Amino acid sequence: MMEKCNAPFKFQIDTWQKFGNGYSGMVIAPTGFGKTFSVFLALVSDFLTHPDKYKKGLKMIWITPLRSLSKDIAKAMQEAIDEIGLDWEVGVRNGDTDPKVRQKQVKNMPEILVVTPESLHLLLAQKNHQRFFTNMHCVAVDEWHELLGSKRGVMVELGISQLFHYVPKLKIWGITATIGNLDEAQDVLIPYDIKKTKITAKELKKIDIISVFPDEVELLPWAGHLGQKLADKVVPIILESKSTIVFTNTRSQSEMWYQLLLNAYPDFAGQIAIHHSSIDAHLRIWIEENLSSGKLKAVVSTSSLDLGIDFKPVDTVIQIGSAKGVARFLQRAGRSGHSPFETSKIFCVPTHSLELIEVAALKEAVKQKVIEPREPLVLCFDVLVQFMMTLAVGDGFFPSEVYERIKKVYTFQEIRDEEWKALIDFLTIGGSALKNYEEYHKVVVMEDGLHKVTSRKIAMLHRMNMGAIVSDAMLKVKFISGGYIGMVEEYFISRLKKEEKFILAGRVLEVAMVKDMTVFVRLSKGKAMAPSYLGGRLPLSSNLGRFLRQKLSGALNPKASEKELKFLHPLLSNQEKRSHIPREDEFLIEMIKNREGYHLFMYPFEGRLVHEVMAALIAYRISKLAPISFSMAMNDYGFELFSDKEIPLNEDNLEKILTRDNLMVDVISSINSAEMARRKFRDIAVISGMVVQNFPGQQRSNKALQSSAGLIFKVLEDYDPNHFLVRQAYTEVFNMQLQEQRLVEAFKRIEKSKYILKFSNKFTPLSFPIKVDSLRQTLTSETLDARIQKLIKQSGRNIKDE
């Protein structure tokens, strides 16, 4: 936030003026430049100028994506209001708010209310809720770039549409970091024909990007093993800084790095902490407060600290491994150097040597200001069903009236009349396939045509299950002696036996027993597993992939000035000697034969998710040439197909295997799309209320949800295959899991490239990390480390002689 002693920036003054002139809009500015004050003080300024326009009651709703930010935002706003001398209250309403406070708010709303998307919808589910919003002037959405492209973002769109209906003169303002599709982002937030503007800060945040190099380059790199070696290099960076955030990409990686740092420098005990979403909320708040006050030397964190208030003492950020995208990298870098005039300092620590090329690619992307877009979602019927239930639980709705409003919401601009009719039928009688099941007759049609929920049980279950995030059932972790530690996912605990150890909140814990959705533990010592969480691996963005290909293309250019490329010269020379370094207009294919069998490697540099689909597709197309079976492995750079038979691939049939013709037809043939849609349907069924996850005092397990959703999916497939929620499941599979658009673009590029087919009897620097990843997935009595060392010995023999 803006320092009180600083003069306002021009973008802040522009925002205040435009707000005063009746505009809605979007503010785009770097972290730490006072984006929050630009919109919040616009309302205050307008009130001070025209107090006669404002009536008693709620004046602004402030929507934030993280409830952990709400308290700090409200505190900063309240301090500013008190300093100005206004008798206003800033309130917070979310899942952490005391029930007594919530009751007080219902009777007497504060002037400004800070909410999450879910808590806004809970307000809309109250009886006679319109009275809360009658005198409102503005709804502001903080960190809009984080919500855009997610189902929670769709919740925001629908919530705003209802507020706009109640207050036609409502101003809508968004606050966002820079993304690649700002115009579209504004259209999604403000789709209405009203006065709107986009205000961009001209001020630029300086960023210092520094690579942390190992002592020597490994000629055969592999992911994950550099941590121990580089922990000793991270310690001095932390010691020389006032305060540091160490960012990792997963919760398990954060637990591992917390232990690595303590082992490397035991004096950190009591000076460093770990922060992620599975840790006890009270502990997280304590960590945030102590980071803000400068009492903590460092915090190891996941994306849980990506957003939010500025931690003033933090002058250094360390990124462990690849940030996977330019936008995420800039967001994290901006957490250091609180003042707008300070330089943000970010150290990049590779988990294997090749990630240093990504640092060079990131530097180039930042220099050229090329940032990923956030693609908006379309036709999320599950969220719309939930929203219509919310209205029905509240004061009810008339379908024809609501339909006119829904068609103006960006996500639903393409909705068809028959889809709307099917949706209303689904709410009232369960649709044609489920009409014989009484539990799906949720909404009652009154004599005057009002659609309303009259059952108290249905209303209660709906309120308990509102939201667009479906996670695996979370188990509480408690000491046998008492004391709450945090949460772990059910599927991880189901793999642990009694007395096995795992790490949570930086402690080594031993499982004593699991009872009633609670894991009882005791403190332990020694080696332990870090919990793995579903959805743990982030994919490489297409933007970063493009810059990565560019940097790799010119890697051996003697004029290349980047430190990262100079350091990697021995490794890249080894790749060129053994095989080839693909130039920008080339596509590299490696075929390696050794004692294990036959390996085919391809390097699209499109990220793990795209490679997963590509691998299945190429395997399918090769199997059409001759009967053959494969095992597959992939990373962000490429993928492997492995067989014990010779792979019938050569320069003559490469073009046929890599063609864009019949692309999606072959993709559907290569994967079990029905099974993928069935799994995707689980989340859709939960969000739409078809399957209930939370009951009073009970949360259903992932297995139970999947089973119930699977049964419903089969009924709909058999009796109503064109059901709008079934179609949504297939659409999500194509757009999100199969990455259809990105896949098509990748094949367009590959088709135009020159194919380079290379043969070898040893693994190359590019293929080796993919091979190691495949070892992690196979069961054997040998340890992973022993097998990797054997591979290095086989592949690394005579490297220096080559």
Foldseek 3Di string as FASTA:
>chain_A
DDDPPDDAAPLLVVLLVCVLVLAAEEEAEAAQRCLVCSNLVSQVVNCVVCVVLFDFAAAEEEEEADLLQQVVSQVVSVVVCVVVPDPFHEEEDDPVDDPVVVVVCVVGNTHYYYYYLLRLLLLLLAAPSLVRQQRYAEYEYEALQVLFQALSNVSLLLSVLVSCVSPVSHHYYYYHYDADCVVVSGCQRDVDPDHYDYRYRPQDAAAAEAEDDQPAADLFKAFADCLLRCLLVVQVVLVVALAEEEEEAFQLVLLVNLVSNCVNPVVLVVQEFEDDDFWDPVVNSVVLVCQLVSSHSYYYYYCPPLDHDASARHAEYEYEADLLFLVSVSSRQSSHDNHSPGHRYYYYYHRILLSLLLSVLSVVCVVVVHGHHRDGAADLVLLVLLSQQSNQSYHFDQLVVVVVSQCSNPRYVPPDPVLSVQSVCCQQQNGPLRNVPPVSRAWDQDPVRTTHGPDPQSSVLSSVQADQDDFFQWAWEAEPVGDTTGIAHPVQVVPDDAQAWEDGRNFIWGFHDDDLSYTYTDGDDDDHGYGGGPPRDDWRAQSSLLSSLQCLQCLQPPPDDDPSSVSCVLSSVLQPVQFRRDHNQEWEWEWAQEPVAIKIKTFLLHTDLQQVLLVLLLQQQQCVVDNFQWDKFDGNGIIMTGGNDDRPDDPVCPCVSLALPCVVVSSCVSDVLLVQLLLLQLSSCSSSVVDRQDDVSDGDGPVVSSVSSNVVLVSCCVPPVVNSSSVVSSVCCCCPRNVVVSNSVSSVSNSSGHYGYYYYNADGSVCSNRVLRVLVVDDDPDDSVVVSVVNCCVRVPCSVVD
